Protein backbone atom coordinates (compact mmCIF):
# COMPACT_ATOMS: atom_id res chain seq x y z
CA MET A 1 86.25 -40.45 -64.25
CA PRO A 2 83.41 -39.57 -66.66
CA GLU A 3 84.23 -37.30 -69.58
CA ALA A 4 82.94 -33.74 -69.77
CA LYS A 5 79.59 -33.53 -71.52
CA VAL A 6 77.76 -30.59 -73.04
CA LYS A 7 73.95 -30.64 -73.21
CA ALA A 8 71.46 -28.15 -74.60
CA ASN A 9 68.73 -27.31 -72.09
CA GLY A 10 65.91 -26.32 -74.50
CA LEU A 11 66.61 -22.60 -74.16
CA ARG A 12 69.58 -22.81 -76.49
CA ARG A 13 71.90 -22.30 -73.53
CA PRO A 14 74.63 -24.92 -73.43
CA VAL A 15 75.17 -26.41 -69.99
CA LEU A 16 78.42 -28.06 -69.08
CA TYR A 17 78.37 -30.97 -66.64
CA ARG A 18 81.71 -32.27 -65.44
CA TRP A 19 82.36 -34.51 -62.50
CA ILE A 20 85.47 -33.74 -60.55
CA SER A 21 85.96 -36.32 -57.83
CA ASN A 22 83.10 -35.58 -55.41
CA VAL A 23 82.36 -32.24 -57.05
CA MET A 24 79.78 -31.47 -59.68
CA GLU A 25 80.01 -28.04 -61.14
CA THR A 26 77.26 -26.65 -63.31
CA ALA A 27 77.63 -23.52 -65.40
CA ALA A 28 75.03 -22.08 -67.76
CA PHE A 29 75.96 -19.42 -70.30
CA SER A 30 73.67 -17.16 -72.31
CA GLY A 31 74.97 -13.99 -73.94
CA ASP A 32 76.12 -11.59 -71.22
CA GLU A 33 74.41 -13.66 -68.53
CA LYS A 34 76.70 -16.02 -66.65
CA MET A 35 75.47 -18.23 -63.83
CA HIS A 36 77.73 -20.48 -61.80
CA GLU A 37 76.70 -23.03 -59.25
CA TYR A 38 79.37 -25.09 -57.55
CA ARG A 39 78.67 -27.80 -55.02
CA THR A 40 81.63 -29.24 -53.22
CA GLU A 41 82.30 -31.67 -50.45
CA MET A 42 85.46 -30.20 -48.94
CA GLN A 43 87.97 -32.71 -47.60
CA ARG A 44 89.76 -31.02 -44.72
CA VAL A 45 93.18 -31.97 -43.42
CA ALA A 46 94.78 -30.13 -40.51
CA ILE A 47 98.36 -30.79 -39.46
CA ASN A 48 100.72 -29.26 -36.92
CA VAL A 49 104.46 -29.27 -37.48
CA GLU A 50 106.88 -28.92 -34.58
CA GLY A 51 110.66 -29.04 -34.44
CA ILE A 52 111.35 -27.39 -37.81
CA ALA A 53 110.90 -23.81 -38.98
CA MET A 54 108.03 -23.57 -41.46
CA ASP A 55 107.97 -21.24 -44.43
CA ILE A 56 105.64 -21.03 -47.43
CA ALA A 57 107.84 -23.27 -49.62
CA LEU A 58 107.95 -26.10 -47.08
CA ALA A 59 104.26 -25.70 -46.26
CA ASN A 60 103.37 -25.80 -49.97
CA ALA A 61 105.43 -28.96 -50.52
CA LEU A 62 103.77 -30.61 -47.55
CA ALA A 63 100.28 -29.57 -48.69
CA GLU A 64 100.95 -30.92 -52.19
CA GLN A 65 102.03 -34.28 -50.75
CA ILE A 66 98.78 -34.48 -48.80
CA ALA A 67 96.71 -33.48 -51.85
CA ALA A 68 98.49 -36.19 -53.88
CA ARG A 69 97.31 -38.77 -51.33
CA LEU A 70 93.71 -37.61 -51.72
CA ALA A 71 93.55 -37.10 -55.50
CA GLU A 72 95.40 -38.52 -58.46
CA ASP A 73 95.45 -35.12 -60.19
CA PHE A 74 94.92 -31.79 -58.46
CA LEU A 75 95.26 -28.07 -59.01
CA LEU A 76 96.20 -25.47 -56.40
CA LEU A 77 93.44 -22.85 -56.47
CA ALA A 78 94.28 -20.58 -53.56
CA TRP A 79 96.61 -20.20 -50.58
CA TYR A 80 97.18 -18.08 -47.50
CA ASP A 81 100.53 -17.34 -45.83
CA GLY A 82 99.84 -16.15 -42.28
CA GLN A 83 103.51 -15.38 -41.58
CA ARG A 84 103.62 -12.73 -44.30
CA LYS A 85 99.86 -12.00 -44.34
CA GLU A 86 99.77 -12.79 -48.08
CA GLU A 87 97.06 -14.55 -50.03
CA HIS A 88 96.46 -15.64 -53.58
CA PRO A 89 94.35 -14.78 -55.35
CA SER A 90 93.67 -11.41 -53.79
CA VAL A 91 89.94 -10.68 -53.98
CA PRO A 92 89.50 -7.41 -52.05
CA GLU A 93 85.83 -6.95 -53.04
CA CYS A 94 84.82 -10.00 -50.99
CA GLN A 95 83.48 -8.77 -47.64
CA HIS A 96 81.92 -11.83 -45.96
CA LYS A 97 85.05 -14.01 -45.81
CA PRO A 98 88.68 -13.86 -46.95
CA GLY A 99 88.74 -13.37 -50.72
CA TRP A 100 91.16 -16.22 -51.43
CA LEU A 101 88.85 -18.61 -49.55
CA ALA A 102 85.69 -17.42 -51.33
CA TYR A 103 87.48 -17.76 -54.67
CA ALA A 104 88.57 -21.35 -53.99
CA GLU A 105 85.15 -22.40 -52.71
CA GLY A 106 83.49 -20.82 -55.72
CA HIS A 107 85.83 -22.48 -58.21
CA GLY A 108 85.50 -26.10 -57.17
CA GLY A 109 88.03 -26.34 -54.34
CA ASN A 110 87.49 -29.62 -52.54
CA ILE A 111 90.74 -30.33 -50.67
CA ARG A 112 91.78 -27.97 -47.88
CA VAL A 113 95.09 -28.38 -46.07
CA ARG A 114 95.60 -26.19 -42.98
CA ILE A 115 99.05 -26.19 -41.44
CA ASN A 116 99.79 -25.02 -37.88
CA ASP A 117 96.27 -23.83 -37.06
CA GLY A 118 95.93 -21.79 -40.25
CA GLU A 119 99.41 -20.29 -40.32
CA PHE A 120 99.41 -21.70 -43.86
CA ASP A 121 96.29 -22.72 -45.73
CA PHE A 122 95.98 -24.30 -49.19
CA ILE A 123 92.92 -25.24 -51.22
CA PHE A 124 93.15 -27.62 -54.16
CA ALA A 125 90.66 -28.92 -56.71
CA ALA A 126 90.81 -32.59 -57.65
CA VAL A 127 90.74 -32.81 -61.46
C-alpha cells in the first residue's frame, strides 16, 4: 500500500492523498474552510443466519470475520442494531438517509456487512 503523501497545490493549501484499498480520499484545508471529497467502491456482503439467536455481539463478531477476509486491516466506522433500534454514530441532523450510514459513506467506508436483511448492519473502512 502506498504511503500517505502531502502535496502543496499552488494556493498554499496542503492536500493529503492517501490510498486506502480501493478508496482515494482527498481533503483540502485552508483556514476555516474545510472541503472533503470521498470516493469509495463499497464492497457489500449480505448474509442470513438461521438456527441461532442473533444479538449485536454475535453479529459484530461475524461482521468482523467477514471484514478480515476482505481487508488485512480495517476499522469499524458505523453500525446499526435493528433489534434495539440503535445506531452509532448518531447523526440526527442528517435528513436524506440514516445518519450512521451517511457518516460511514462520508468517512471512507468501503466494506458493508448486512446481516438478516438489515437487522444488523456494519460499515468498515479498509486501512
